[in-house]
């Protein structure tokens, strides 16, 4: 992936994580979806993103 695309993807993930925390803190979402988003995001950043960066 191009560096610009990775930067946009990174900013998108940051927005998703911040919205997730805000929605959870205002009790709009329950703990289940909150943890699922965090776990899927961590897996994506740890395993998928480095593979995308190599391409």
N, C-alpha and C. Protein backbone atom coordinates (compact mmCIF):
# COMPACT_ATOMS: atom_id res chain seq x y z
N UNK A 1 0.83 -1.19 0.00
CA UNK A 1 0.00 0.00 0.00
C UNK A 1 0.87 1.24 0.00
N UNK A 2 0.33 2.29 -0.54
CA UNK A 2 1.05 3.55 -0.56
C UNK A 2 1.00 4.18 0.83
N UNK A 3 2.03 4.95 1.17
CA UNK A 3 2.05 5.60 2.49
C UNK A 3 0.82 6.48 2.75
N UNK A 4 0.34 7.14 1.72
CA UNK A 4 -0.85 8.01 1.90
C UNK A 4 -2.07 7.17 2.27
N UNK A 5 -2.22 6.01 1.65
CA UNK A 5 -3.35 5.13 1.96
C UNK A 5 -3.25 4.60 3.38
N UNK A 6 -2.03 4.26 3.82
CA UNK A 6 -1.85 3.79 5.18
C UNK A 6 -2.17 4.89 6.19
N UNK A 7 -1.81 6.12 5.86
CA UNK A 7 -2.10 7.24 6.75
C UNK A 7 -3.61 7.44 6.90
N UNK A 8 -4.34 7.36 5.78
CA UNK A 8 -5.80 7.50 5.83
C UNK A 8 -6.41 6.36 6.63
N UNK A 9 -5.92 5.15 6.42
CA UNK A 9 -6.40 4.00 7.17
C UNK A 9 -6.14 4.16 8.67
N UNK A 10 -4.97 4.66 9.00
CA UNK A 10 -4.63 4.89 10.41
C UNK A 10 -5.53 5.92 11.06
N UNK A 11 -5.78 7.02 10.36
CA UNK A 11 -6.68 8.03 10.91
C UNK A 11 -8.10 7.48 11.04
N UNK A 12 -8.51 6.67 10.10
CA UNK A 12 -9.83 6.04 10.19
C UNK A 12 -9.95 5.14 11.41
N UNK A 13 -8.91 4.37 11.68
CA UNK A 13 -8.93 3.49 12.86
C UNK A 13 -8.95 4.31 14.15
N UNK A 14 -8.22 5.40 14.18
CA UNK A 14 -8.24 6.26 15.36
C UNK A 14 -9.64 6.81 15.61
N UNK A 15 -10.30 7.24 14.54
CA UNK A 15 -11.67 7.75 14.68
C UNK A 15 -12.60 6.67 15.20
N UNK A 16 -12.47 5.46 14.69
CA UNK A 16 -13.32 4.35 15.14
C UNK A 16 -13.08 4.06 16.62
N UNK A 17 -11.82 4.04 17.05
CA UNK A 17 -11.52 3.76 18.45
C UNK A 17 -12.03 4.88 19.37
N UNK A 18 -11.87 6.12 18.96
CA UNK A 18 -12.35 7.23 19.79
C UNK A 18 -13.88 7.20 19.89
N UNK A 19 -14.55 6.98 18.76
CA UNK A 19 -16.01 6.87 18.80
C UNK A 19 -16.46 5.70 19.67
N UNK A 20 -15.74 4.60 19.59
CA UNK A 20 -16.06 3.43 20.40
C UNK A 20 -15.97 3.77 21.88
N UNK A 21 -14.90 4.45 22.27
CA UNK A 21 -14.73 4.81 23.68
C UNK A 21 -15.81 5.81 24.12
N UNK A 22 -16.11 6.79 23.27
CA UNK A 22 -17.14 7.77 23.62
C UNK A 22 -18.51 7.12 23.76
N UNK A 23 -18.87 6.27 22.81
CA UNK A 23 -20.18 5.60 22.88
C UNK A 23 -20.27 4.71 24.11
N UNK A 24 -19.18 4.06 24.47
CA UNK A 24 -19.19 3.21 25.66
C UNK A 24 -19.28 4.06 26.93
N UNK A 25 -18.56 5.17 26.95
CA UNK A 25 -18.57 6.00 28.15
C UNK A 25 -19.94 6.65 28.38
N UNK A 26 -20.68 6.93 27.31
CA UNK A 26 -22.02 7.49 27.46
C UNK A 26 -23.09 6.39 27.54
N UNK A 27 -22.64 5.15 27.65
CA UNK A 27 -23.52 3.98 27.79
C UNK A 27 -24.50 3.82 26.62
N UNK A 28 -24.04 4.18 25.43
CA UNK A 28 -24.86 3.98 24.24
C UNK A 28 -24.65 2.57 23.71
N UNK A 29 -23.43 2.04 23.87
CA UNK A 29 -23.18 0.64 23.52
C UNK A 29 -22.80 -0.11 24.79
N UNK A 30 -23.04 -1.39 24.79
CA UNK A 30 -22.74 -2.23 25.95
C UNK A 30 -21.28 -2.70 25.90
N UNK A 31 -20.83 -3.35 26.96
CA UNK A 31 -19.42 -3.79 26.98
C UNK A 31 -19.07 -4.81 25.89
N UNK A 32 -20.03 -5.63 25.46
CA UNK A 32 -19.75 -6.64 24.44
C UNK A 32 -19.24 -6.05 23.14
N UNK A 33 -20.02 -5.18 22.50
CA UNK A 33 -19.54 -4.56 21.25
C UNK A 33 -18.29 -3.71 21.46
N UNK A 34 -18.17 -3.08 22.62
CA UNK A 34 -16.98 -2.28 22.91
C UNK A 34 -15.73 -3.14 22.84
N UNK A 35 -15.76 -4.28 23.53
CA UNK A 35 -14.58 -5.16 23.53
C UNK A 35 -14.35 -5.81 22.18
N UNK A 36 -15.42 -6.12 21.45
CA UNK A 36 -15.25 -6.71 20.12
C UNK A 36 -14.53 -5.74 19.18
N UNK A 37 -14.92 -4.48 19.22
CA UNK A 37 -14.26 -3.48 18.36
C UNK A 37 -12.78 -3.36 18.75
N UNK A 38 -12.50 -3.32 20.05
CA UNK A 38 -11.10 -3.22 20.48
C UNK A 38 -10.28 -4.44 20.07
N UNK A 39 -10.85 -5.62 20.23
CA UNK A 39 -10.12 -6.85 19.88
C UNK A 39 -9.90 -6.94 18.38
N UNK A 40 -10.94 -6.68 17.57
CA UNK A 40 -10.77 -6.73 16.12
C UNK A 40 -9.79 -5.67 15.64
N UNK A 41 -9.84 -4.50 16.24
CA UNK A 41 -8.89 -3.45 15.88
C UNK A 41 -7.47 -3.81 16.22
N UNK A 42 -7.27 -4.41 17.39
CA UNK A 42 -5.92 -4.81 17.80
C UNK A 42 -5.38 -5.92 16.89
N UNK A 43 -6.22 -6.88 16.54
CA UNK A 43 -5.80 -7.96 15.63
C UNK A 43 -5.44 -7.37 14.27
N UNK A 44 -6.26 -6.44 13.80
CA UNK A 44 -5.99 -5.82 12.51
C UNK A 44 -4.65 -5.08 12.53
N UNK A 45 -4.43 -4.30 13.56
CA UNK A 45 -3.20 -3.50 13.64
C UNK A 45 -1.98 -4.39 13.84
N UNK A 46 -2.12 -5.47 14.59
CA UNK A 46 -0.97 -6.31 14.91
C UNK A 46 -0.60 -7.26 13.78
N UNK A 47 -1.61 -7.87 13.12
CA UNK A 47 -1.30 -8.88 12.11
C UNK A 47 -1.56 -8.44 10.66
N UNK A 48 -2.65 -7.77 10.41
CA UNK A 48 -3.04 -7.44 9.04
C UNK A 48 -2.28 -6.23 8.50
N UNK A 49 -2.18 -5.20 9.30
CA UNK A 49 -1.55 -3.96 8.83
C UNK A 49 -0.09 -4.15 8.42
N UNK A 50 0.73 -4.90 9.16
CA UNK A 50 2.10 -5.11 8.69
C UNK A 50 2.18 -5.83 7.34
N UNK A 51 1.26 -6.76 7.09
CA UNK A 51 1.23 -7.45 5.80
C UNK A 51 0.84 -6.50 4.69
N UNK A 52 -0.07 -5.57 4.99
CA UNK A 52 -0.48 -4.59 4.00
C UNK A 52 0.65 -3.62 3.73
N UNK A 53 1.44 -3.33 4.75
CA UNK A 53 2.55 -2.38 4.59
C UNK A 53 3.65 -2.96 3.72
N UNK A 54 3.86 -4.28 3.78
CA UNK A 54 4.91 -4.92 2.99
C UNK A 54 4.58 -4.91 1.49
N UNK A 55 3.30 -4.92 1.16
CA UNK A 55 2.90 -4.99 -0.26
C UNK A 55 3.16 -3.75 -0.99
